[in-house]
Amino acid sequence: MDIWNKIICHEGETFKTITGIEYSYVVYTDYILINNDNRRHITKEMFDLAMKIENPSPSKLQKADVWGPSYVYGIVTDKRIAP
């Protein structure tokens, strides 16, 4: 199962940033919307980019121009999503 399908499967569940902030998300066709910040929409491409980064961290994701690096990190490193 690819990462986007895993993200879809866990829609609405609680995730945490590296600092412990809890959030969930809603999935749309090609992006997610973070529930605790309606301005934060993160595209499918951002997750694809994040998966190409070896040992991702919020700072590495930010340097790679990934939008919402703390949220993306919380999702791609979670045991429910991580490969």
N, C-alpha and C. Protein backbone atom coordinates (compact mmCIF):
# COMPACT_ATOMS: atom_id res chain seq x y z
N MET A 1 0.86 -1.19 0.00
CA MET A 1 0.00 0.00 0.00
C MET A 1 0.89 1.24 0.00
N ASP A 2 0.63 2.17 -0.90
CA ASP A 2 1.46 3.38 -0.95
C ASP A 2 1.07 4.34 0.17
N ILE A 3 1.92 5.32 0.40
CA ILE A 3 1.73 6.24 1.53
C ILE A 3 0.40 7.00 1.45
N TRP A 4 -0.01 7.43 0.25
CA TRP A 4 -1.25 8.19 0.14
C TRP A 4 -2.45 7.34 0.57
N ASN A 5 -2.46 6.08 0.18
CA ASN A 5 -3.56 5.19 0.58
C ASN A 5 -3.56 4.97 2.09
N LYS A 6 -2.39 4.89 2.70
CA LYS A 6 -2.31 4.77 4.16
C LYS A 6 -2.83 6.04 4.83
N ILE A 7 -2.47 7.18 4.27
CA ILE A 7 -2.97 8.46 4.80
C ILE A 7 -4.49 8.50 4.73
N ILE A 8 -5.05 8.06 3.62
CA ILE A 8 -6.50 8.01 3.46
C ILE A 8 -7.12 7.10 4.53
N CYS A 9 -6.52 5.95 4.75
CA CYS A 9 -7.06 4.97 5.71
C CYS A 9 -7.08 5.49 7.15
N HIS A 10 -6.21 6.43 7.47
CA HIS A 10 -6.11 6.92 8.86
C HIS A 10 -6.67 8.33 9.03
N GLU A 11 -7.47 8.77 8.06
CA GLU A 11 -8.14 10.07 8.14
C GLU A 11 -8.94 10.17 9.44
N GLY A 12 -8.83 11.32 10.10
CA GLY A 12 -9.60 11.57 11.32
C GLY A 12 -8.95 11.05 12.59
N GLU A 13 -7.91 10.24 12.48
CA GLU A 13 -7.21 9.73 13.65
C GLU A 13 -6.26 10.80 14.19
N THR A 14 -5.87 10.66 15.43
CA THR A 14 -4.99 11.65 16.06
C THR A 14 -3.52 11.32 15.78
N PHE A 15 -2.79 12.34 15.36
CA PHE A 15 -1.35 12.27 15.16
C PHE A 15 -0.72 13.33 16.05
N LYS A 16 0.61 13.28 16.19
CA LYS A 16 1.31 14.27 17.02
C LYS A 16 2.52 14.81 16.27
N THR A 17 2.76 16.12 16.47
CA THR A 17 4.01 16.70 15.97
C THR A 17 5.13 16.23 16.87
N ILE A 18 6.36 16.53 16.51
CA ILE A 18 7.51 16.14 17.31
C ILE A 18 7.48 16.80 18.69
N THR A 19 6.77 17.93 18.81
CA THR A 19 6.66 18.61 20.11
C THR A 19 5.42 18.19 20.89
N GLY A 20 4.68 17.22 20.35
CA GLY A 20 3.54 16.67 21.07
C GLY A 20 2.20 17.32 20.80
N ILE A 21 2.13 18.25 19.85
CA ILE A 21 0.85 18.87 19.51
C ILE A 21 0.00 17.85 18.74
N GLU A 22 -1.20 17.62 19.23
CA GLU A 22 -2.09 16.66 18.58
C GLU A 22 -2.90 17.32 17.46
N TYR A 23 -3.13 16.57 16.41
CA TYR A 23 -3.92 17.05 15.29
C TYR A 23 -4.49 15.86 14.54
N SER A 24 -5.47 16.11 13.73
CA SER A 24 -6.01 15.12 12.81
C SER A 24 -6.18 15.82 11.47
N TYR A 25 -6.62 15.08 10.48
CA TYR A 25 -6.76 15.68 9.16
C TYR A 25 -7.94 15.08 8.41
N VAL A 26 -8.38 15.80 7.40
CA VAL A 26 -9.41 15.36 6.48
C VAL A 26 -8.74 15.24 5.11
N VAL A 27 -9.04 14.15 4.41
CA VAL A 27 -8.45 13.92 3.09
C VAL A 27 -9.40 14.41 1.99
N TYR A 28 -8.84 15.15 1.05
CA TYR A 28 -9.54 15.55 -0.16
C TYR A 28 -8.85 14.84 -1.32
N THR A 29 -9.22 15.12 -2.53
CA THR A 29 -8.70 14.39 -3.68
C THR A 29 -7.18 14.30 -3.71
N ASP A 30 -6.50 15.43 -3.58
CA ASP A 30 -5.03 15.41 -3.69
C ASP A 30 -4.35 16.23 -2.60
N TYR A 31 -5.05 16.44 -1.49
CA TYR A 31 -4.44 17.12 -0.35
C TYR A 31 -5.18 16.75 0.93
N ILE A 32 -4.54 17.06 2.06
CA ILE A 32 -5.21 16.92 3.34
C ILE A 32 -5.35 18.30 3.96
N LEU A 33 -6.32 18.43 4.83
CA LEU A 33 -6.54 19.66 5.56
C LEU A 33 -6.38 19.33 7.04
N ILE A 34 -5.44 20.01 7.70
CA ILE A 34 -5.19 19.79 9.12
C ILE A 34 -6.34 20.39 9.91
N ASN A 35 -6.92 19.61 10.81
CA ASN A 35 -8.12 20.04 11.53
C ASN A 35 -7.89 21.15 12.54
N ASN A 36 -6.71 21.25 13.12
CA ASN A 36 -6.52 22.32 14.12
C ASN A 36 -6.02 23.62 13.49
N ASP A 37 -5.88 23.63 12.18
CA ASP A 37 -5.40 24.84 11.49
C ASP A 37 -5.94 24.81 10.06
N ASN A 38 -7.11 25.38 9.84
CA ASN A 38 -7.76 25.29 8.54
C ASN A 38 -7.00 25.97 7.41
N ARG A 39 -5.93 26.65 7.74
CA ARG A 39 -5.10 27.24 6.68
C ARG A 39 -4.08 26.24 6.17
N ARG A 40 -3.90 25.14 6.88
CA ARG A 40 -2.86 24.16 6.52
C ARG A 40 -3.41 23.07 5.63
N HIS A 41 -3.21 23.21 4.36
CA HIS A 41 -3.52 22.12 3.46
C HIS A 41 -2.19 21.62 2.91
N ILE A 42 -2.04 20.32 2.91
CA ILE A 42 -0.78 19.71 2.50
C ILE A 42 -1.07 18.76 1.34
N THR A 43 -0.41 19.00 0.23
CA THR A 43 -0.69 18.22 -0.98
C THR A 43 -0.04 16.84 -0.94
N LYS A 44 -0.59 15.99 -1.75
CA LYS A 44 -0.07 14.63 -1.92
C LYS A 44 1.41 14.68 -2.34
N GLU A 45 1.76 15.65 -3.16
CA GLU A 45 3.14 15.78 -3.63
C GLU A 45 4.11 16.04 -2.49
N MET A 46 3.65 16.74 -1.45
CA MET A 46 4.52 17.00 -0.30
C MET A 46 4.88 15.70 0.41
N PHE A 47 3.92 14.78 0.48
CA PHE A 47 4.20 13.48 1.11
C PHE A 47 5.12 12.65 0.24
N ASP A 48 4.92 12.71 -1.07
CA ASP A 48 5.82 12.00 -1.98
C ASP A 48 7.24 12.52 -1.83
N LEU A 49 7.39 13.83 -1.74
CA LEU A 49 8.70 14.44 -1.54
C LEU A 49 9.31 14.03 -0.20
N ALA A 50 8.50 14.05 0.84
CA ALA A 50 8.98 13.69 2.17
C ALA A 50 9.50 12.26 2.21
N MET A 51 8.87 11.37 1.48
CA MET A 51 9.28 9.96 1.49
C MET A 51 10.61 9.75 0.78
N LYS A 52 11.06 10.71 0.01
CA LYS A 52 12.34 10.60 -0.67
C LYS A 52 13.51 11.06 0.21
N ILE A 53 13.20 11.66 1.35
CA ILE A 53 14.23 12.19 2.24
C ILE A 53 14.63 11.11 3.24
N GLU A 54 15.91 10.80 3.26
CA GLU A 54 16.41 9.79 4.19
C GLU A 54 16.39 10.33 5.61
N ASN A 55 15.87 9.53 6.53
CA ASN A 55 15.75 9.92 7.94
C ASN A 55 15.15 11.33 8.08
N PRO A 56 13.90 11.47 7.67
CA PRO A 56 13.29 12.81 7.68
C PRO A 56 13.20 13.41 9.09
N SER A 57 13.30 14.71 9.14
CA SER A 57 13.09 15.48 10.37
C SER A 57 12.35 16.74 9.93
N PRO A 58 11.70 17.43 10.86
CA PRO A 58 11.03 18.67 10.45
C PRO A 58 11.98 19.66 9.77
N SER A 59 13.21 19.75 10.26
CA SER A 59 14.14 20.70 9.65
C SER A 59 14.56 20.26 8.25
N LYS A 60 14.77 18.96 8.03
CA LYS A 60 15.10 18.47 6.69
C LYS A 60 13.93 18.70 5.73
N LEU A 61 12.73 18.47 6.23
CA LEU A 61 11.55 18.68 5.40
C LEU A 61 11.39 20.14 5.03
N GLN A 62 11.63 21.01 5.99
CA GLN A 62 11.54 22.45 5.73
C GLN A 62 12.58 22.87 4.69
N LYS A 63 13.79 22.36 4.82
CA LYS A 63 14.84 22.69 3.84
C LYS A 63 14.49 22.21 2.44
N ALA A 64 13.69 21.13 2.36
CA ALA A 64 13.27 20.59 1.06
C ALA A 64 12.00 21.27 0.56
N ASP A 65 11.59 22.35 1.23
CA ASP A 65 10.40 23.11 0.85
C ASP A 65 9.10 22.33 0.96
N VAL A 66 9.05 21.42 1.95
CA VAL A 66 7.82 20.70 2.24
C VAL A 66 6.94 21.61 3.09
N TRP A 67 5.71 21.85 2.62
CA TRP A 67 4.76 22.70 3.33
C TRP A 67 4.26 21.96 4.57
N GLY A 68 4.24 22.62 5.73
CA GLY A 68 3.75 22.00 6.97
C GLY A 68 4.66 20.90 7.47
N PRO A 69 5.97 21.16 7.56
CA PRO A 69 6.92 20.09 7.87
C PRO A 69 6.65 19.36 9.19
N SER A 70 6.19 20.05 10.20
CA SER A 70 5.93 19.38 11.48
C SER A 70 4.77 18.39 11.36
N TYR A 71 3.74 18.78 10.61
CA TYR A 71 2.60 17.88 10.40
C TYR A 71 2.98 16.71 9.50
N VAL A 72 3.70 16.99 8.43
CA VAL A 72 4.13 15.93 7.52
C VAL A 72 5.02 14.94 8.26
N TYR A 73 5.95 15.46 9.06
CA TYR A 73 6.82 14.58 9.84
C TYR A 73 6.00 13.68 10.76
N GLY A 74 5.04 14.26 11.45
CA GLY A 74 4.20 13.48 12.36
C GLY A 74 3.46 12.36 11.67
N ILE A 75 3.11 12.57 10.42
CA ILE A 75 2.38 11.54 9.67
C ILE A 75 3.34 10.50 9.09
N VAL A 76 4.38 10.95 8.39
CA VAL A 76 5.24 9.97 7.68
C VAL A 76 6.09 9.13 8.61
N THR A 77 6.29 9.57 9.85
CA THR A 77 7.08 8.76 10.78
C THR A 77 6.21 7.96 11.75
N ASP A 78 4.91 8.13 11.68
CA ASP A 78 4.00 7.39 12.55
C ASP A 78 3.97 5.92 12.12
N LYS A 79 3.91 5.01 13.09
CA LYS A 79 3.94 3.57 12.79
C LYS A 79 2.77 3.13 11.92
N ARG A 80 1.67 3.88 11.92
CA ARG A 80 0.53 3.54 11.07
C ARG A 80 0.80 3.84 9.61
N ILE A 81 1.71 4.75 9.34
CA ILE A 81 1.97 5.21 7.97
C ILE A 81 3.34 4.78 7.45
N ALA A 82 4.36 4.89 8.29
CA ALA A 82 5.74 4.63 7.85
C ALA A 82 5.87 3.24 7.23
N PRO A 83 6.66 3.15 6.16
CA PRO A 83 6.85 1.84 5.51
C PRO A 83 7.64 0.88 6.39
